[in-house]
N, C-alpha and C. Protein backbone atom coordinates (compact mmCIF):
# COMPACT_ATOMS: atom_id res chain seq x y z
N MET A 1 -6.42 16.27 -11.67
CA MET A 1 -6.26 15.05 -10.88
C MET A 1 -4.87 15.04 -10.25
N ARG A 2 -4.79 14.47 -9.09
CA ARG A 2 -3.53 14.34 -8.37
C ARG A 2 -3.27 12.86 -8.15
N ARG A 3 -2.03 12.47 -8.26
CA ARG A 3 -1.66 11.06 -8.06
C ARG A 3 -1.24 10.84 -6.61
N TYR A 4 -1.77 9.77 -6.01
CA TYR A 4 -1.46 9.41 -4.63
C TYR A 4 -1.10 7.93 -4.54
N THR A 5 -0.19 7.62 -3.65
CA THR A 5 0.06 6.23 -3.28
C THR A 5 -0.49 6.06 -1.86
N ILE A 6 -1.28 5.04 -1.68
CA ILE A 6 -1.84 4.72 -0.37
C ILE A 6 -1.16 3.44 0.11
N LEU A 7 -0.36 3.58 1.16
CA LEU A 7 0.34 2.43 1.73
C LEU A 7 -0.53 1.80 2.81
N ILE A 8 -0.66 0.50 2.75
CA ILE A 8 -1.48 -0.25 3.70
C ILE A 8 -0.56 -0.86 4.75
N VAL A 9 -0.72 -0.46 5.99
CA VAL A 9 0.11 -0.95 7.09
C VAL A 9 -0.78 -1.71 8.06
N PHE A 10 -0.31 -2.87 8.49
CA PHE A 10 -1.13 -3.68 9.40
C PHE A 10 -0.23 -4.54 10.27
N GLU A 11 -0.82 -5.07 11.33
CA GLU A 11 -0.11 -6.05 12.16
C GLU A 11 -0.30 -7.40 11.50
N PRO A 12 0.78 -8.14 11.28
CA PRO A 12 0.66 -9.45 10.63
C PRO A 12 -0.30 -10.36 11.40
N TRP A 13 -1.04 -11.14 10.65
CA TRP A 13 -1.95 -12.10 11.25
C TRP A 13 -2.11 -13.27 10.30
N ASP A 14 -2.80 -14.27 10.70
CA ASP A 14 -2.88 -15.53 9.96
C ASP A 14 -4.05 -15.52 8.99
N TRP A 15 -3.83 -14.95 7.81
CA TRP A 15 -4.86 -14.89 6.77
C TRP A 15 -5.31 -16.29 6.36
N GLU A 16 -4.38 -17.22 6.30
CA GLU A 16 -4.70 -18.59 5.85
C GLU A 16 -5.75 -19.25 6.73
N ASN A 17 -5.79 -18.90 8.00
CA ASN A 17 -6.76 -19.51 8.91
C ASN A 17 -7.95 -18.60 9.22
N ALA A 18 -8.07 -17.49 8.50
CA ALA A 18 -9.22 -16.60 8.70
C ALA A 18 -10.49 -17.29 8.20
N THR A 19 -11.58 -17.01 8.88
CA THR A 19 -12.85 -17.61 8.46
C THR A 19 -13.28 -17.00 7.12
N PRO A 20 -14.13 -17.72 6.40
CA PRO A 20 -14.63 -17.16 5.14
C PRO A 20 -15.34 -15.82 5.35
N GLU A 21 -16.01 -15.65 6.48
CA GLU A 21 -16.71 -14.40 6.77
C GLU A 21 -15.73 -13.24 6.95
N VAL A 22 -14.65 -13.48 7.68
CA VAL A 22 -13.63 -12.45 7.88
C VAL A 22 -12.98 -12.09 6.55
N ARG A 23 -12.64 -13.08 5.75
CA ARG A 23 -12.05 -12.82 4.44
C ARG A 23 -13.00 -11.98 3.58
N GLN A 24 -14.29 -12.32 3.62
CA GLN A 24 -15.27 -11.59 2.80
C GLN A 24 -15.37 -10.14 3.24
N GLU A 25 -15.26 -9.86 4.55
CA GLU A 25 -15.28 -8.48 5.03
C GLU A 25 -14.14 -7.68 4.41
N TYR A 26 -12.96 -8.28 4.34
CA TYR A 26 -11.81 -7.60 3.73
C TYR A 26 -12.03 -7.40 2.24
N PHE A 27 -12.50 -8.45 1.54
CA PHE A 27 -12.77 -8.33 0.11
C PHE A 27 -13.80 -7.24 -0.16
N ASP A 28 -14.86 -7.20 0.65
CA ASP A 28 -15.92 -6.20 0.47
C ASP A 28 -15.37 -4.78 0.66
N ALA A 29 -14.52 -4.58 1.67
CA ALA A 29 -13.95 -3.26 1.92
C ALA A 29 -13.06 -2.82 0.75
N HIS A 30 -12.24 -3.73 0.25
CA HIS A 30 -11.38 -3.39 -0.90
C HIS A 30 -12.22 -3.11 -2.14
N HIS A 31 -13.29 -3.86 -2.32
CA HIS A 31 -14.18 -3.62 -3.47
C HIS A 31 -14.84 -2.24 -3.34
N ALA A 32 -15.28 -1.88 -2.14
CA ALA A 32 -15.89 -0.56 -1.93
C ALA A 32 -14.88 0.55 -2.24
N PHE A 33 -13.64 0.38 -1.80
CA PHE A 33 -12.57 1.34 -2.10
C PHE A 33 -12.39 1.46 -3.61
N GLU A 34 -12.25 0.34 -4.29
CA GLU A 34 -11.99 0.35 -5.73
C GLU A 34 -13.16 0.97 -6.50
N THR A 35 -14.39 0.71 -6.07
CA THR A 35 -15.56 1.30 -6.71
C THR A 35 -15.56 2.82 -6.52
N TYR A 36 -15.26 3.26 -5.31
CA TYR A 36 -15.21 4.70 -5.02
C TYR A 36 -14.15 5.39 -5.87
N VAL A 37 -12.97 4.78 -5.95
CA VAL A 37 -11.90 5.35 -6.75
C VAL A 37 -12.32 5.42 -8.22
N ALA A 38 -12.94 4.38 -8.74
CA ALA A 38 -13.37 4.38 -10.14
C ALA A 38 -14.39 5.48 -10.41
N GLU A 39 -15.24 5.78 -9.42
CA GLU A 39 -16.25 6.83 -9.58
C GLU A 39 -15.66 8.23 -9.49
N HIS A 40 -14.53 8.38 -8.81
CA HIS A 40 -13.96 9.70 -8.56
C HIS A 40 -12.63 9.95 -9.25
N GLY A 41 -12.04 8.92 -9.82
CA GLY A 41 -10.73 9.06 -10.44
C GLY A 41 -10.36 7.78 -11.14
N LYS A 42 -9.14 7.32 -10.87
CA LYS A 42 -8.65 6.13 -11.55
C LYS A 42 -7.65 5.39 -10.68
N ARG A 43 -7.75 4.08 -10.68
CA ARG A 43 -6.75 3.23 -10.03
C ARG A 43 -5.68 2.90 -11.06
N LEU A 44 -4.44 3.26 -10.77
CA LEU A 44 -3.34 2.99 -11.70
C LEU A 44 -2.70 1.63 -11.43
N ALA A 45 -2.60 1.27 -10.16
CA ALA A 45 -2.00 -0.01 -9.77
C ALA A 45 -2.33 -0.28 -8.32
N GLY A 46 -2.05 -1.46 -7.89
CA GLY A 46 -2.23 -1.84 -6.50
C GLY A 46 -1.92 -3.30 -6.35
N SER A 47 -1.44 -3.68 -5.18
CA SER A 47 -1.11 -5.07 -4.96
C SER A 47 -0.90 -5.34 -3.49
N ALA A 48 -1.15 -6.58 -3.12
CA ALA A 48 -0.77 -7.04 -1.79
C ALA A 48 0.70 -7.43 -1.84
N LEU A 49 1.40 -7.26 -0.75
CA LEU A 49 2.81 -7.62 -0.67
C LEU A 49 2.98 -8.85 0.23
N CYS A 50 3.98 -9.66 -0.05
CA CYS A 50 4.30 -10.78 0.82
C CYS A 50 4.78 -10.23 2.16
N ASP A 51 4.77 -11.08 3.18
CA ASP A 51 5.16 -10.65 4.52
C ASP A 51 6.59 -10.11 4.53
N ALA A 52 6.85 -9.25 5.50
CA ALA A 52 8.16 -8.58 5.61
C ALA A 52 9.31 -9.56 5.77
N ASP A 53 9.05 -10.73 6.33
CA ASP A 53 10.15 -11.69 6.50
C ASP A 53 10.64 -12.25 5.17
N THR A 54 9.96 -11.95 4.07
CA THR A 54 10.42 -12.37 2.74
C THR A 54 11.21 -11.27 2.04
N ALA A 55 11.36 -10.12 2.70
CA ALA A 55 12.03 -8.97 2.09
C ALA A 55 13.54 -9.18 1.99
N THR A 56 14.14 -8.47 1.07
CA THR A 56 15.59 -8.36 0.96
C THR A 56 15.91 -6.87 1.03
N THR A 57 16.85 -6.50 1.88
CA THR A 57 17.20 -5.09 2.06
C THR A 57 18.60 -4.84 1.50
N VAL A 58 18.71 -3.81 0.68
CA VAL A 58 20.00 -3.37 0.16
C VAL A 58 20.33 -2.08 0.91
N GLY A 59 21.40 -2.11 1.70
CA GLY A 59 21.76 -0.98 2.55
C GLY A 59 22.40 0.16 1.78
N ARG A 60 22.70 1.22 2.52
CA ARG A 60 23.34 2.40 1.94
C ARG A 60 24.76 2.09 1.52
N GLY A 61 25.24 2.87 0.57
CA GLY A 61 26.61 2.71 0.12
C GLY A 61 26.69 2.85 -1.39
N VAL A 62 27.83 2.45 -1.92
CA VAL A 62 28.08 2.55 -3.36
C VAL A 62 28.43 1.18 -3.89
N GLY A 63 27.78 0.77 -4.97
CA GLY A 63 28.12 -0.47 -5.65
C GLY A 63 28.18 -1.67 -4.72
N GLU A 64 29.30 -2.38 -4.79
CA GLU A 64 29.48 -3.61 -4.00
C GLU A 64 29.61 -3.35 -2.50
N GLU A 65 29.79 -2.08 -2.11
CA GLU A 65 29.85 -1.75 -0.69
C GLU A 65 28.48 -1.88 -0.03
N ARG A 66 27.45 -1.82 -0.84
CA ARG A 66 26.09 -1.91 -0.29
C ARG A 66 25.85 -3.32 0.23
N VAL A 67 25.48 -3.42 1.48
CA VAL A 67 25.26 -4.71 2.12
C VAL A 67 23.84 -5.18 1.82
N VAL A 68 23.72 -6.44 1.42
CA VAL A 68 22.42 -7.05 1.14
C VAL A 68 22.10 -8.01 2.27
N THR A 69 20.91 -7.85 2.89
CA THR A 69 20.51 -8.72 3.99
C THR A 69 19.10 -9.24 3.74
N ASP A 70 18.81 -10.39 4.30
CA ASP A 70 17.46 -10.93 4.25
C ASP A 70 16.62 -10.24 5.29
N GLY A 71 15.35 -10.01 4.96
CA GLY A 71 14.43 -9.44 5.91
C GLY A 71 14.29 -7.94 5.76
N PRO A 72 13.37 -7.37 6.51
CA PRO A 72 13.09 -5.93 6.41
C PRO A 72 14.20 -5.10 7.03
N PHE A 73 14.20 -3.81 6.72
CA PHE A 73 15.19 -2.87 7.23
C PHE A 73 15.14 -2.79 8.75
N VAL A 74 13.94 -2.72 9.30
CA VAL A 74 13.77 -2.65 10.76
C VAL A 74 12.71 -3.67 11.18
N GLU A 75 12.81 -4.12 12.40
CA GLU A 75 11.81 -5.02 12.96
C GLU A 75 10.69 -4.19 13.59
N LEU A 76 9.50 -4.35 13.10
CA LEU A 76 8.36 -3.61 13.62
C LEU A 76 7.20 -4.57 13.88
N SER A 77 6.29 -4.14 14.73
CA SER A 77 5.11 -4.97 14.95
C SER A 77 4.14 -4.82 13.78
N GLU A 78 4.21 -3.68 13.08
CA GLU A 78 3.39 -3.48 11.89
C GLU A 78 4.28 -3.50 10.67
N GLN A 79 3.68 -3.79 9.52
CA GLN A 79 4.44 -3.83 8.29
C GLN A 79 3.59 -3.33 7.12
N VAL A 80 4.27 -2.88 6.07
CA VAL A 80 3.56 -2.49 4.85
C VAL A 80 3.13 -3.78 4.17
N GLY A 81 1.84 -3.89 3.94
CA GLY A 81 1.31 -5.13 3.38
C GLY A 81 0.74 -4.98 1.99
N GLY A 82 0.69 -3.76 1.49
CA GLY A 82 0.16 -3.54 0.15
C GLY A 82 0.09 -2.07 -0.15
N TYR A 83 -0.38 -1.76 -1.35
CA TYR A 83 -0.48 -0.37 -1.75
C TYR A 83 -1.50 -0.21 -2.87
N TYR A 84 -1.96 1.00 -3.03
CA TYR A 84 -2.74 1.42 -4.18
C TYR A 84 -2.08 2.66 -4.75
N ASP A 85 -2.03 2.75 -6.07
CA ASP A 85 -1.55 3.93 -6.78
C ASP A 85 -2.77 4.46 -7.53
N VAL A 86 -3.23 5.64 -7.16
CA VAL A 86 -4.50 6.16 -7.69
C VAL A 86 -4.36 7.60 -8.16
N GLU A 87 -5.25 8.01 -9.02
CA GLU A 87 -5.40 9.41 -9.39
C GLU A 87 -6.76 9.85 -8.91
N LEU A 88 -6.79 10.89 -8.08
CA LEU A 88 -8.03 11.41 -7.51
C LEU A 88 -7.96 12.93 -7.52
N PRO A 89 -9.11 13.59 -7.42
CA PRO A 89 -9.13 15.05 -7.52
C PRO A 89 -8.32 15.77 -6.46
N ASP A 90 -8.32 15.24 -5.22
CA ASP A 90 -7.66 15.97 -4.13
C ASP A 90 -7.47 15.04 -2.93
N LEU A 91 -6.78 15.56 -1.92
CA LEU A 91 -6.49 14.77 -0.72
C LEU A 91 -7.77 14.37 0.01
N ASP A 92 -8.76 15.24 0.07
CA ASP A 92 -10.01 14.89 0.74
C ASP A 92 -10.66 13.66 0.11
N THR A 93 -10.62 13.56 -1.20
CA THR A 93 -11.18 12.41 -1.90
C THR A 93 -10.34 11.17 -1.60
N ALA A 94 -9.02 11.32 -1.55
CA ALA A 94 -8.15 10.19 -1.21
C ALA A 94 -8.43 9.70 0.21
N ILE A 95 -8.65 10.61 1.13
CA ILE A 95 -8.97 10.24 2.52
C ILE A 95 -10.31 9.51 2.57
N ALA A 96 -11.30 10.02 1.86
CA ALA A 96 -12.61 9.36 1.83
C ALA A 96 -12.49 7.94 1.28
N ALA A 97 -11.68 7.76 0.25
CA ALA A 97 -11.47 6.42 -0.31
C ALA A 97 -10.78 5.52 0.70
N ALA A 98 -9.73 6.02 1.34
CA ALA A 98 -8.97 5.23 2.31
C ALA A 98 -9.85 4.77 3.48
N ARG A 99 -10.80 5.59 3.86
CA ARG A 99 -11.68 5.23 4.98
C ARG A 99 -12.56 4.03 4.67
N LEU A 100 -12.65 3.64 3.42
CA LEU A 100 -13.44 2.48 3.03
C LEU A 100 -12.68 1.16 3.21
N LEU A 101 -11.36 1.23 3.33
CA LEU A 101 -10.56 0.02 3.50
C LEU A 101 -10.73 -0.54 4.91
N PRO A 102 -10.35 -1.80 5.14
CA PRO A 102 -10.57 -2.43 6.44
C PRO A 102 -10.05 -1.60 7.61
N GLU A 103 -10.83 -1.58 8.67
CA GLU A 103 -10.51 -0.74 9.82
C GLU A 103 -9.26 -1.20 10.57
N ALA A 104 -8.81 -2.41 10.33
CA ALA A 104 -7.59 -2.90 10.99
C ALA A 104 -6.33 -2.28 10.39
N TYR A 105 -6.45 -1.62 9.24
CA TYR A 105 -5.30 -1.04 8.57
C TYR A 105 -5.00 0.37 9.09
N THR A 106 -3.73 0.71 9.12
CA THR A 106 -3.29 2.09 9.19
C THR A 106 -2.93 2.44 7.75
N LEU A 107 -3.38 3.59 7.27
CA LEU A 107 -3.18 3.95 5.88
C LEU A 107 -2.38 5.22 5.77
N GLU A 108 -1.32 5.17 5.00
CA GLU A 108 -0.49 6.34 4.77
C GLU A 108 -0.71 6.79 3.33
N ILE A 109 -1.17 8.01 3.17
CA ILE A 109 -1.45 8.58 1.85
C ILE A 109 -0.34 9.56 1.52
N ARG A 110 0.31 9.34 0.38
CA ARG A 110 1.37 10.24 -0.04
C ARG A 110 1.13 10.70 -1.47
N PRO A 111 1.21 12.01 -1.71
CA PRO A 111 1.19 12.48 -3.09
C PRO A 111 2.44 11.95 -3.81
N VAL A 112 2.26 11.62 -5.07
CA VAL A 112 3.40 11.17 -5.88
C VAL A 112 4.08 12.39 -6.46
N MET A 113 5.41 12.44 -6.32
CA MET A 113 6.20 13.57 -6.78
C MET A 113 6.45 13.47 -8.28
N THR A 114 6.33 14.59 -8.95
CA THR A 114 6.69 14.68 -10.37
C THR A 114 8.04 15.37 -10.46
N ILE A 115 8.97 14.73 -11.16
CA ILE A 115 10.31 15.29 -11.31
C ILE A 115 10.52 15.57 -12.80
N ASP A 116 10.77 16.82 -13.12
CA ASP A 116 10.99 17.20 -14.51
C ASP A 116 12.13 16.38 -15.11
N GLY A 117 11.92 15.88 -16.32
CA GLY A 117 12.95 15.13 -17.00
C GLY A 117 13.02 13.67 -16.63
N TYR A 118 12.20 13.25 -15.66
CA TYR A 118 12.18 11.85 -15.26
C TYR A 118 10.78 11.34 -15.44
N GLY A 119 10.59 10.40 -16.32
CA GLY A 119 9.26 9.88 -16.61
C GLY A 119 8.71 9.06 -15.47
N SER A 120 7.41 9.00 -15.42
CA SER A 120 6.76 8.15 -14.44
C SER A 120 5.66 7.38 -15.15
N VAL A 121 5.14 6.40 -14.46
CA VAL A 121 4.11 5.55 -15.02
C VAL A 121 2.84 6.32 -15.26
C-alpha cells in the first residue's frame, strides 16, 4: 500500500445558500469516494478546511524574525478547501478514487514521503 494525500482545490462559493439538492450531490460524491477507498485501501484522515480568509501565515525566517500575517500566503481565485489522507495500492487507484469527488474540484494527489528516523501517523 502507498500513502497519498489528496488536496481538494475549488473556487469559493456560497455553501450556506446552496440548495439541498446541490448539497446532496456533494455528499453523495464524497460518500462514493469514501466507499471506494474503503474497498481498495484505507482512509487515514480527511477534513474540510475553513475558507482561506481565516488562515494565518507564518513567513520565512528564524524565530521572532518570522512575520505572522492574517490570511493566505497568496491571493488566488481557487483555494485548498480540504484533504484526504489515504492508503491505496497505487496511483491509478488513487486517481480512480479522486474521479469520484465532485467535478467542480481540482484534485492534487501527492504521495506521502517517508523519512527515516522521523515518525509519521
